[in-house]
Amino acid sequence: MEIYKPNGNTGEPARSLSPPAPVLTGLSLGILDNTKPNAGVLLNRLADRLSERVGLKIALTETKNAALAAPAEVLDTLSKEVQVVLTGSAD
């Protein structure tokens, strides 16, 4: 019998987080919808509220499979076109 440990990768992360933006007003917002039930509704409503409240500009919405990491081309598009990203929803 072979037993596998569910530890995952233990090396350094491939990317680091960007520093937080001091002010959100006027920045472009992207949505990364992980396609879980109601994630799109939740993320879009939150984006609308942030847009109304602090002046974020909703620029684009991308989707990805909840079970997989976002494809490199999606991450590349988000990194080039927006400064703030909303993502994720858990069951």
N, C-alpha and C. Protein backbone atom coordinates (compact mmCIF):
# COMPACT_ATOMS: atom_id res chain seq x y z
N MET A 1 0.84 -1.15 0.00
CA MET A 1 0.00 0.00 0.00
C MET A 1 0.90 1.24 0.00
N GLU A 2 0.52 2.21 -0.82
CA GLU A 2 1.26 3.47 -0.89
C GLU A 2 0.37 4.58 -0.35
N ILE A 3 0.89 5.36 0.58
CA ILE A 3 0.12 6.45 1.19
C ILE A 3 0.70 7.77 0.70
N TYR A 4 -0.19 8.64 0.22
CA TYR A 4 0.23 9.95 -0.28
C TYR A 4 -0.12 11.02 0.74
N LYS A 5 0.78 11.95 0.94
CA LYS A 5 0.53 13.07 1.83
C LYS A 5 -0.14 14.20 1.03
N PRO A 6 -1.19 14.80 1.56
CA PRO A 6 -1.89 15.88 0.85
C PRO A 6 -1.29 17.26 1.12
N ASN A 7 0.02 17.35 1.17
CA ASN A 7 0.67 18.60 1.55
C ASN A 7 0.72 19.64 0.45
N GLY A 8 0.76 19.24 -0.79
CA GLY A 8 0.89 20.21 -1.87
C GLY A 8 2.30 20.74 -1.97
N ASN A 9 2.47 21.79 -2.77
CA ASN A 9 3.79 22.39 -2.97
C ASN A 9 4.28 23.06 -1.70
N THR A 10 5.55 22.90 -1.41
CA THR A 10 6.12 23.53 -0.22
C THR A 10 7.19 24.56 -0.57
N GLY A 11 7.42 24.79 -1.85
CA GLY A 11 8.43 25.76 -2.28
C GLY A 11 7.92 27.18 -2.16
N GLU A 12 8.74 28.11 -2.58
CA GLU A 12 8.39 29.52 -2.58
C GLU A 12 7.25 29.77 -3.57
N PRO A 13 6.32 30.69 -3.25
CA PRO A 13 5.25 31.01 -4.19
C PRO A 13 5.83 31.62 -5.47
N ALA A 14 5.17 31.33 -6.60
CA ALA A 14 5.64 31.82 -7.89
C ALA A 14 5.45 33.33 -8.02
N ARG A 15 4.47 33.87 -7.32
CA ARG A 15 4.18 35.30 -7.40
C ARG A 15 3.99 35.84 -5.99
N SER A 16 4.20 37.12 -5.85
CA SER A 16 3.93 37.76 -4.57
C SER A 16 2.76 38.71 -4.74
N LEU A 17 2.12 39.04 -3.64
CA LEU A 17 1.00 39.96 -3.70
C LEU A 17 1.49 41.38 -3.94
N SER A 18 0.68 42.14 -4.65
CA SER A 18 1.00 43.54 -4.86
C SER A 18 0.75 44.31 -3.57
N PRO A 19 1.45 45.41 -3.37
CA PRO A 19 1.15 46.22 -2.19
C PRO A 19 -0.25 46.81 -2.31
N PRO A 20 -0.93 47.04 -1.20
CA PRO A 20 -2.29 47.57 -1.27
C PRO A 20 -2.31 48.99 -1.85
N ALA A 21 -3.36 49.30 -2.56
CA ALA A 21 -3.52 50.65 -3.10
C ALA A 21 -3.96 51.57 -1.97
N PRO A 22 -3.35 52.74 -1.84
CA PRO A 22 -3.72 53.64 -0.75
C PRO A 22 -5.13 54.22 -0.91
N VAL A 23 -5.55 54.43 -2.14
CA VAL A 23 -6.88 54.97 -2.42
C VAL A 23 -7.44 54.20 -3.62
N LEU A 24 -8.69 53.78 -3.51
CA LEU A 24 -9.30 53.00 -4.59
C LEU A 24 -9.98 53.87 -5.65
N THR A 25 -10.26 55.12 -5.34
CA THR A 25 -10.98 55.99 -6.26
C THR A 25 -10.29 56.07 -7.61
N GLY A 26 -11.06 55.79 -8.66
CA GLY A 26 -10.55 55.89 -10.02
C GLY A 26 -9.79 54.68 -10.53
N LEU A 27 -9.52 53.70 -9.67
CA LEU A 27 -8.81 52.50 -10.13
C LEU A 27 -9.75 51.59 -10.91
N SER A 28 -9.18 50.74 -11.75
CA SER A 28 -9.95 49.77 -12.53
C SER A 28 -10.09 48.48 -11.73
N LEU A 29 -11.30 47.93 -11.75
CA LEU A 29 -11.63 46.72 -11.00
C LEU A 29 -11.91 45.58 -11.95
N GLY A 30 -11.30 44.44 -11.68
CA GLY A 30 -11.58 43.22 -12.42
C GLY A 30 -12.25 42.21 -11.51
N ILE A 31 -13.06 41.35 -12.09
CA ILE A 31 -13.73 40.29 -11.35
C ILE A 31 -13.24 38.96 -11.90
N LEU A 32 -12.78 38.09 -11.02
CA LEU A 32 -12.39 36.73 -11.40
C LEU A 32 -13.39 35.79 -10.76
N ASP A 33 -14.37 35.38 -11.54
CA ASP A 33 -15.48 34.53 -11.08
C ASP A 33 -15.03 33.08 -11.13
N ASN A 34 -15.06 32.40 -9.99
CA ASN A 34 -14.63 31.00 -9.95
C ASN A 34 -15.77 30.03 -10.28
N THR A 35 -16.89 30.53 -10.73
CA THR A 35 -18.06 29.77 -11.20
C THR A 35 -18.72 28.90 -10.14
N LYS A 36 -18.44 29.13 -8.88
CA LYS A 36 -19.18 28.43 -7.83
C LYS A 36 -20.59 29.00 -7.79
N PRO A 37 -21.54 28.25 -7.23
CA PRO A 37 -22.93 28.74 -7.19
C PRO A 37 -23.02 30.13 -6.57
N ASN A 38 -23.63 31.03 -7.29
CA ASN A 38 -23.86 32.42 -6.87
C ASN A 38 -22.61 33.28 -6.74
N ALA A 39 -21.46 32.77 -7.10
CA ALA A 39 -20.23 33.58 -7.01
C ALA A 39 -20.34 34.81 -7.90
N GLY A 40 -20.81 34.62 -9.12
CA GLY A 40 -20.94 35.75 -10.05
C GLY A 40 -21.86 36.83 -9.52
N VAL A 41 -22.99 36.41 -8.95
CA VAL A 41 -23.95 37.37 -8.38
C VAL A 41 -23.30 38.13 -7.24
N LEU A 42 -22.67 37.41 -6.32
CA LEU A 42 -22.02 38.03 -5.17
C LEU A 42 -20.93 39.01 -5.61
N LEU A 43 -20.04 38.57 -6.49
CA LEU A 43 -18.93 39.41 -6.92
C LEU A 43 -19.41 40.64 -7.69
N ASN A 44 -20.41 40.47 -8.55
CA ASN A 44 -20.92 41.61 -9.31
C ASN A 44 -21.62 42.63 -8.41
N ARG A 45 -22.38 42.15 -7.44
CA ARG A 45 -23.03 43.08 -6.51
C ARG A 45 -22.01 43.82 -5.66
N LEU A 46 -21.00 43.11 -5.21
CA LEU A 46 -19.93 43.75 -4.44
C LEU A 46 -19.20 44.78 -5.30
N ALA A 47 -18.93 44.43 -6.54
CA ALA A 47 -18.26 45.37 -7.46
C ALA A 47 -19.12 46.61 -7.67
N ASP A 48 -20.42 46.42 -7.85
CA ASP A 48 -21.32 47.57 -8.03
C ASP A 48 -21.30 48.48 -6.81
N ARG A 49 -21.33 47.88 -5.62
CA ARG A 49 -21.32 48.68 -4.39
C ARG A 49 -20.00 49.44 -4.24
N LEU A 50 -18.89 48.76 -4.53
CA LEU A 50 -17.59 49.44 -4.46
C LEU A 50 -17.50 50.57 -5.47
N SER A 51 -18.06 50.35 -6.65
CA SER A 51 -18.06 51.38 -7.67
C SER A 51 -18.83 52.61 -7.19
N GLU A 52 -20.01 52.37 -6.61
CA GLU A 52 -20.83 53.47 -6.10
C GLU A 52 -20.16 54.17 -4.92
N ARG A 53 -19.58 53.38 -4.03
CA ARG A 53 -19.07 53.92 -2.77
C ARG A 53 -17.72 54.62 -2.89
N VAL A 54 -16.79 54.04 -3.64
CA VAL A 54 -15.44 54.61 -3.68
C VAL A 54 -14.98 55.00 -5.08
N GLY A 55 -15.82 54.80 -6.09
CA GLY A 55 -15.47 55.25 -7.42
C GLY A 55 -14.58 54.33 -8.24
N LEU A 56 -14.58 53.04 -7.90
CA LEU A 56 -13.85 52.09 -8.75
C LEU A 56 -14.54 51.98 -10.09
N LYS A 57 -13.77 51.75 -11.14
CA LYS A 57 -14.32 51.55 -12.48
C LYS A 57 -14.30 50.06 -12.78
N ILE A 58 -15.46 49.45 -13.00
CA ILE A 58 -15.53 48.02 -13.29
C ILE A 58 -15.08 47.83 -14.73
N ALA A 59 -13.94 47.17 -14.92
CA ALA A 59 -13.32 47.08 -16.23
C ALA A 59 -13.60 45.77 -16.95
N LEU A 60 -13.49 44.64 -16.26
CA LEU A 60 -13.69 43.37 -16.94
C LEU A 60 -14.02 42.26 -15.96
N THR A 61 -14.61 41.20 -16.50
CA THR A 61 -14.92 40.00 -15.73
C THR A 61 -14.32 38.81 -16.46
N GLU A 62 -13.59 37.99 -15.73
CA GLU A 62 -13.02 36.75 -16.26
C GLU A 62 -13.59 35.60 -15.43
N THR A 63 -13.60 34.41 -16.01
CA THR A 63 -14.06 33.24 -15.27
C THR A 63 -12.98 32.17 -15.29
N LYS A 64 -13.05 31.30 -14.28
CA LYS A 64 -12.13 30.18 -14.20
C LYS A 64 -12.85 29.04 -13.52
N ASN A 65 -12.34 27.85 -13.67
CA ASN A 65 -12.88 26.67 -13.00
C ASN A 65 -12.49 26.74 -11.54
N ALA A 66 -13.43 26.49 -10.64
CA ALA A 66 -13.17 26.57 -9.21
C ALA A 66 -12.13 25.57 -8.74
N ALA A 67 -11.99 24.46 -9.45
CA ALA A 67 -11.08 23.40 -9.02
C ALA A 67 -9.65 23.60 -9.51
N LEU A 68 -9.44 24.58 -10.37
CA LEU A 68 -8.12 24.78 -10.97
C LEU A 68 -7.64 26.21 -10.76
N ALA A 69 -6.35 26.38 -10.82
CA ALA A 69 -5.78 27.73 -10.78
C ALA A 69 -6.19 28.47 -12.06
N ALA A 70 -6.25 29.77 -11.97
CA ALA A 70 -6.58 30.56 -13.16
C ALA A 70 -5.49 30.38 -14.21
N PRO A 71 -5.88 30.23 -15.47
CA PRO A 71 -4.88 30.10 -16.54
C PRO A 71 -3.98 31.34 -16.61
N ALA A 72 -2.77 31.14 -17.06
CA ALA A 72 -1.79 32.23 -17.14
C ALA A 72 -2.30 33.40 -17.97
N GLU A 73 -3.02 33.12 -19.06
CA GLU A 73 -3.50 34.21 -19.91
C GLU A 73 -4.55 35.07 -19.19
N VAL A 74 -5.35 34.46 -18.32
CA VAL A 74 -6.33 35.22 -17.53
C VAL A 74 -5.60 36.11 -16.53
N LEU A 75 -4.63 35.56 -15.83
CA LEU A 75 -3.85 36.34 -14.87
C LEU A 75 -3.09 37.47 -15.56
N ASP A 76 -2.57 37.19 -16.75
CA ASP A 76 -1.85 38.20 -17.51
C ASP A 76 -2.78 39.35 -17.90
N THR A 77 -3.97 39.02 -18.38
CA THR A 77 -4.95 40.04 -18.75
C THR A 77 -5.31 40.90 -17.55
N LEU A 78 -5.61 40.25 -16.43
CA LEU A 78 -5.97 41.00 -15.22
C LEU A 78 -4.83 41.91 -14.77
N SER A 79 -3.61 41.39 -14.79
CA SER A 79 -2.48 42.19 -14.31
C SER A 79 -2.20 43.40 -15.20
N LYS A 80 -2.54 43.31 -16.47
CA LYS A 80 -2.29 44.41 -17.40
C LYS A 80 -3.42 45.43 -17.42
N GLU A 81 -4.66 45.00 -17.13
CA GLU A 81 -5.81 45.87 -17.35
C GLU A 81 -6.48 46.42 -16.10
N VAL A 82 -6.21 45.86 -14.95
CA VAL A 82 -6.86 46.35 -13.73
C VAL A 82 -5.86 46.48 -12.58
N GLN A 83 -6.23 47.27 -11.60
CA GLN A 83 -5.39 47.43 -10.41
C GLN A 83 -5.95 46.70 -9.19
N VAL A 84 -7.23 46.36 -9.22
CA VAL A 84 -7.90 45.68 -8.11
C VAL A 84 -8.69 44.51 -8.67
N VAL A 85 -8.62 43.34 -7.99
CA VAL A 85 -9.36 42.16 -8.45
C VAL A 85 -10.18 41.60 -7.30
N LEU A 86 -11.46 41.35 -7.57
CA LEU A 86 -12.32 40.60 -6.65
C LEU A 86 -12.36 39.17 -7.15
N THR A 87 -12.20 38.23 -6.25
CA THR A 87 -12.24 36.83 -6.67
C THR A 87 -12.73 35.94 -5.55
N GLY A 88 -13.21 34.78 -5.95
CA GLY A 88 -13.49 33.69 -5.02
C GLY A 88 -14.83 33.73 -4.34
N SER A 89 -15.28 32.57 -4.03
CA SER A 89 -16.49 32.34 -3.26
C SER A 89 -16.42 30.90 -2.81
N ALA A 90 -16.67 30.67 -1.56
CA ALA A 90 -16.63 29.30 -1.04
C ALA A 90 -18.04 28.76 -0.90
N ASP A 91 -18.12 27.46 -0.88
CA ASP A 91 -19.43 26.82 -0.67
C ASP A 91 -19.83 26.91 0.78
